[in-house]
Amino acid sequence: MPEIEQRLALLKQIQIFNELDENQLSQVSGRLKEDRVQAGKVIFAEGDAPDKAFIIVSGRVRVTRLKEDKTETVISIFDTGNTFGEDALYFNRSRSATVTAISETELLYLDKEGFQWLRSNFPQVDPYIAAFTKTHDIAHRLDIEWLGEGETISLITRREPIRMIGELLTITFIVFVILTLLTALVHFLGEAELFAWIFGGG
């Protein structure tokens, strides 16, 4: 498969680029640079200044973070089609984790200038970048006991993240209203009278 076709096929699988057409994807492809790292190579370390956002073409990387007791914990394992490093560029902050190649890994990346070019020229990617970066940020901060060894949190999304968020907020609002009404009824009627009112038909 010619290199340009391979790149386009890969970009089409990445949710960040869902709203871009073939011509726009070709422009993004032209901006991407290549890198290849060997197993064990640290791609960037926690605390580093952000300079690139990466796409994995082949291979696997491990994302780790230091706990307060200075022990290292695995946050995620990424492979072909995954992106990483965009969060630090998006928020303009130091790297929040260390990324190390598990195997020989082929990468495409946008440097800082290229990342800003992407956001400026194709603002439709911003909701996707924001959703991924905020999800990763929350996942890094949580200590979830039910996750097994090697399991990670991924973004649960759809082609229209803004619509999805709107639907979730609507559901949350409805639940909030119901709970508020029940609280008010308990306050004015008391629990016993409320149960009698509910089960007795008013």
Protein backbone atom coordinates (compact mmCIF):
# COMPACT_ATOMS: atom_id res chain seq x y z
CA MET A 1 0.00 0.00 0.00
CA PRO A 2 1.50 3.40 -0.96
CA GLU A 3 2.55 5.50 2.02
CA ILE A 4 -0.02 8.25 1.45
CA GLU A 5 -2.85 5.71 1.23
CA GLN A 6 -1.62 3.97 4.38
CA ARG A 7 -1.57 7.27 6.25
CA LEU A 8 -5.06 8.23 5.08
CA ALA A 9 -6.44 4.82 6.03
CA LEU A 10 -4.93 5.22 9.52
CA LEU A 11 -6.23 8.77 9.97
CA LYS A 12 -9.75 7.67 9.03
CA GLN A 13 -9.72 5.25 11.98
CA ILE A 14 -8.84 7.96 14.51
CA GLN A 15 -11.84 9.61 16.17
CA ILE A 16 -10.16 13.01 16.43
CA PHE A 17 -10.36 13.26 12.62
CA ASN A 18 -13.95 12.01 12.26
CA GLU A 19 -15.24 15.31 10.88
CA LEU A 20 -12.50 15.77 8.24
CA ASP A 21 -13.05 14.90 4.59
CA GLU A 22 -10.53 13.25 2.25
CA ASN A 23 -8.95 16.54 1.16
CA GLN A 24 -8.58 17.76 4.73
CA LEU A 25 -7.09 14.44 5.83
CA SER A 26 -4.57 14.74 2.99
CA GLN A 27 -3.54 18.15 4.33
CA VAL A 28 -3.08 16.70 7.82
CA SER A 29 -1.13 13.77 6.38
CA GLY A 30 1.25 16.19 4.70
CA ARG A 31 1.99 17.82 8.05
CA LEU A 32 2.80 14.58 9.86
CA LYS A 33 6.41 13.62 10.49
CA GLU A 34 7.81 10.13 11.06
CA ASP A 35 9.78 8.55 13.87
CA ARG A 36 10.78 5.01 14.79
CA VAL A 37 11.83 4.03 18.31
CA GLN A 38 13.27 0.82 19.71
CA ALA A 39 11.84 -1.20 22.60
CA GLY A 40 12.68 0.42 25.93
CA LYS A 41 13.07 3.91 24.48
CA VAL A 42 11.46 6.67 26.55
CA ILE A 43 9.49 8.81 24.09
CA PHE A 44 8.89 11.49 26.70
CA ALA A 45 9.08 11.63 30.49
CA GLU A 46 6.72 12.93 33.14
CA GLY A 47 7.47 16.61 33.69
CA ASP A 48 8.90 17.23 30.21
CA ALA A 49 7.79 20.27 28.25
CA PRO A 50 5.29 19.34 25.50
CA ASP A 51 6.57 19.43 21.93
CA LYS A 52 4.72 16.73 19.94
CA ALA A 53 1.43 14.83 19.63
CA PHE A 54 1.79 11.23 18.44
CA ILE A 55 -0.08 8.60 16.42
CA ILE A 56 1.03 4.96 16.63
CA VAL A 57 1.41 3.34 13.20
CA SER A 58 2.71 0.04 14.59
CA GLY A 59 4.07 -1.27 17.88
CA ARG A 60 3.02 -0.67 21.49
CA VAL A 61 3.82 1.89 24.19
CA ARG A 62 3.34 1.92 27.95
CA VAL A 63 2.10 5.00 29.82
CA THR A 64 3.31 5.23 33.43
CA ARG A 65 3.10 7.72 36.24
CA LEU A 66 4.86 8.15 39.57
CA LYS A 67 2.77 7.81 42.72
CA GLU A 68 3.35 9.93 45.80
CA ASP A 69 5.58 7.18 47.22
CA LYS A 70 7.70 7.39 44.01
CA THR A 71 6.65 3.94 42.79
CA GLU A 72 5.68 3.69 39.13
CA THR A 73 2.17 2.67 38.08
CA VAL A 74 0.97 1.71 34.59
CA ILE A 75 -1.82 3.98 33.36
CA SER A 76 -2.37 2.68 29.82
CA ILE A 77 -1.05 0.50 27.04
CA PHE A 78 -1.48 1.99 23.55
CA ASP A 79 -1.04 0.35 20.15
CA THR A 80 -1.80 0.91 16.45
CA GLY A 81 -4.22 3.78 15.83
CA ASN A 82 -3.98 5.23 19.34
CA THR A 83 -2.90 8.82 19.90
CA PHE A 84 -0.99 10.20 22.86
CA GLY A 85 0.74 13.38 23.95
CA GLU A 86 -1.99 15.72 22.71
CA ASP A 87 -3.20 16.55 26.23
CA ALA A 88 -0.07 18.45 27.26
CA LEU A 89 -0.11 20.45 24.02
CA TYR A 90 -3.83 21.16 24.33
CA PHE A 91 -3.55 22.42 27.93
CA ASN A 92 -0.03 23.85 27.41
CA ARG A 93 1.34 22.07 30.47
CA SER A 94 4.15 19.68 31.35
CA ARG A 95 3.82 16.00 30.50
CA SER A 96 1.64 14.26 33.10
CA ALA A 97 3.09 10.78 32.46
CA THR A 98 6.03 8.90 30.95
CA VAL A 99 5.59 7.01 27.67
CA THR A 100 7.98 4.15 26.85
CA ALA A 101 8.08 1.89 23.79
CA ILE A 102 7.29 -1.73 24.68
CA SER A 103 8.33 -2.96 21.23
CA GLU A 104 9.84 -1.36 18.15
CA THR A 105 7.29 1.34 17.41
CA GLU A 106 6.62 3.40 14.30
CA LEU A 107 5.13 6.81 14.99
CA LEU A 108 3.67 9.77 13.17
CA TYR A 109 3.61 13.08 14.97
CA LEU A 110 2.66 16.73 14.79
CA ASP A 111 5.11 19.13 16.37
CA LYS A 112 3.87 22.08 18.42
CA GLU A 113 3.49 24.29 15.36
CA GLY A 114 1.70 21.55 13.44
CA PHE A 115 -0.69 20.94 16.33
CA GLN A 116 -1.63 24.62 16.46
CA TRP A 117 -2.04 24.59 12.67
CA LEU A 118 -4.44 21.64 12.98
CA ARG A 119 -6.62 23.38 15.58
CA SER A 120 -6.60 26.70 13.73
CA ASN A 121 -7.44 25.30 10.30
CA PHE A 122 -9.83 22.53 11.38
CA PRO A 123 -11.62 23.72 14.54
CA GLN A 124 -14.03 20.77 14.23
CA VAL A 125 -11.32 18.55 15.76
CA ASP A 126 -11.33 20.52 19.02
CA PRO A 127 -14.33 18.81 20.69
CA TYR A 128 -12.70 15.44 20.05
CA ILE A 129 -9.30 16.53 21.35
CA ALA A 130 -10.93 18.08 24.42
CA ALA A 131 -12.95 14.92 25.12
CA PHE A 132 -9.90 12.66 24.86
CA THR A 133 -7.59 14.87 26.88
CA LYS A 134 -10.10 15.40 29.68
CA THR A 135 -10.90 11.68 29.79
CA HIS A 136 -7.20 10.84 30.03
CA ASP A 137 -6.75 13.48 32.71
CA ILE A 138 -9.59 12.06 34.82
CA ALA A 139 -8.32 8.50 34.31
CA HIS A 140 -4.85 9.51 35.51
CA ARG A 141 -6.31 10.97 38.70
CA LEU A 142 -8.64 8.11 39.59
CA ASP A 143 -7.74 5.01 41.59
CA ILE A 144 -10.34 2.54 40.34
CA GLU A 145 -10.28 -0.70 42.31
CA TRP A 146 -12.30 -2.79 39.85
CA LEU A 147 -9.77 -2.43 37.03
CA GLY A 148 -7.67 -5.56 36.59
CA GLU A 149 -3.96 -5.64 35.87
CA GLY A 150 -3.25 -4.10 32.47
CA GLU A 151 -6.81 -2.78 32.08
CA THR A 152 -7.29 0.91 31.38
CA ILE A 153 -10.09 3.42 30.93
CA SER A 154 -10.86 4.39 27.33
CA LEU A 155 -13.06 7.18 26.06
CA ILE A 156 -16.67 6.10 25.53
CA THR A 157 -17.87 8.32 22.72
CA ARG A 158 -19.76 8.55 19.45
CA ARG A 159 -19.35 10.47 16.18
CA GLU A 160 -21.08 13.50 17.76
CA PRO A 161 -19.46 14.07 21.17
CA ILE A 162 -21.19 17.41 21.73
CA ARG A 163 -24.59 15.77 21.20
CA MET A 164 -23.57 12.92 23.52
CA ILE A 165 -22.55 15.36 26.25
CA GLY A 166 -25.84 17.24 25.79
CA GLU A 167 -27.82 14.04 26.20
CA LEU A 168 -25.90 13.09 29.34
CA LEU A 169 -26.46 16.54 30.83
CA THR A 170 -30.18 16.29 30.04
CA ILE A 171 -30.42 12.94 31.83
CA THR A 172 -28.46 14.33 34.78
CA PHE A 173 -30.76 17.34 34.97
CA ILE A 174 -33.89 15.15 34.93
CA VAL A 175 -32.50 12.98 37.75
CA PHE A 176 -31.60 16.14 39.69
CA VAL A 177 -35.14 17.52 39.33
CA ILE A 178 -36.69 14.23 40.47
CA LEU A 179 -34.41 14.03 43.52
CA THR A 180 -35.12 17.67 44.37
CA LEU A 181 -38.88 17.10 44.20
CA LEU A 182 -38.64 13.98 46.38
CA THR A 183 -36.54 15.86 48.92
CA ALA A 184 -39.11 18.66 49.01
CA LEU A 185 -41.96 16.18 49.47
CA VAL A 186 -40.14 14.45 52.34
CA HIS A 187 -39.60 17.85 53.95
CA PHE A 188 -43.25 18.87 53.74
CA LEU A 189 -45.00 15.51 54.14
CA GLY A 190 -42.56 13.41 56.12
CA GLU A 191 -41.33 9.99 55.04
CA ALA A 192 -44.33 8.02 56.32
CA GLU A 193 -46.88 10.26 54.63
CA LEU A 194 -44.81 10.33 51.42
CA PHE A 195 -44.79 6.52 51.18
CA ALA A 196 -48.52 6.46 51.88
CA TRP A 197 -49.06 9.11 49.22
CA ILE A 198 -46.98 7.22 46.63
CA PHE A 199 -48.31 3.73 47.25
CA GLY A 200 -51.80 4.82 48.15
CA GLY A 201 -52.26 6.83 44.99
CA GLY A 202 -52.09 10.26 46.60
